[in-house]
Amino acid sequence: MFGLLDSDIRYINNALAKFAEIECGVIFGSRAMGNYKRGSDIGRECGGTSSI
C-alpha cells in the first residue's frame, strides 16, 4: 500500500495512536497517486481536535 511495507504502515499508525487529539491521518502526493519512486517522501496530513 502506497509503496510502503506493512511494518511501515504499522509504525505510522502506532505513532499516530499515541495522540488522542489526532482523529485521522491522510497520505497524499505521489504515494497516494501511485506514481512514487524509490526514496519518495511520505506526504501526510493529520487532523483532529485540540484542547489548547
Protein backbone atom coordinates (compact mmCIF):
# COMPACT_ATOMS: atom_id res chain seq x y z
CA MET A 1 0.00 0.00 0.00
CA PHE A 2 1.46 3.38 -1.05
CA GLY A 3 4.74 1.62 -1.79
CA LEU A 4 5.36 1.12 1.91
CA LEU A 5 6.00 -2.07 3.84
CA ASP A 6 3.28 -3.34 6.17
CA SER A 7 5.68 -2.65 9.03
CA ASP A 8 5.99 0.99 7.88
CA ILE A 9 2.19 1.40 7.92
CA ARG A 10 2.02 -0.16 11.40
CA TYR A 11 4.77 2.17 12.63
CA ILE A 12 2.91 5.24 11.34
CA ASN A 13 -0.41 4.04 12.78
CA ASN A 14 1.17 3.31 16.17
CA ALA A 15 2.82 6.74 16.26
CA LEU A 16 -0.48 8.50 15.46
CA ALA A 17 -2.37 6.38 18.01
CA LYS A 18 -0.27 7.87 20.82
CA PHE A 19 -2.07 11.20 20.44
CA ALA A 20 -5.77 11.20 21.34
CA GLU A 21 -6.18 14.57 19.59
CA ILE A 22 -5.36 13.05 16.19
CA GLU A 23 -8.56 11.78 14.64
CA CYS A 24 -7.28 10.89 11.18
CA GLY A 25 -4.20 10.74 9.00
CA VAL A 26 -4.06 11.15 5.23
CA ILE A 27 -1.28 10.25 2.82
CA PHE A 28 -1.11 12.49 -0.24
CA GLY A 29 1.19 13.30 -3.13
CA SER A 30 2.98 10.78 -5.31
CA ARG A 31 2.40 7.90 -2.89
CA ALA A 32 -1.36 8.49 -2.86
CA MET A 33 -1.45 8.88 -6.65
CA GLY A 34 0.62 5.75 -7.16
CA ASN A 35 3.44 7.38 -9.14
CA TYR A 36 6.01 7.38 -6.33
CA LYS A 37 9.60 6.39 -6.92
CA ARG A 38 12.09 4.63 -4.67
CA GLY A 39 13.03 7.09 -1.92
CA SER A 40 9.95 9.30 -2.35
CA ASP A 41 8.97 11.08 0.85
CA ILE A 42 5.71 10.35 2.62
CA GLY A 43 3.36 13.32 2.31
CA ARG A 44 0.96 13.19 5.23
CA GLU A 45 -1.59 15.33 6.97
CA CYS A 46 -3.05 14.78 10.42
CA GLY A 47 -6.36 16.18 11.58
CA GLY A 48 -8.13 16.28 14.87
CA THR A 49 -9.09 18.28 17.88
CA SER A 50 -7.07 20.43 20.20
CA SER A 51 -7.69 21.28 23.83
CA ILE A 52 -5.42 24.34 23.72
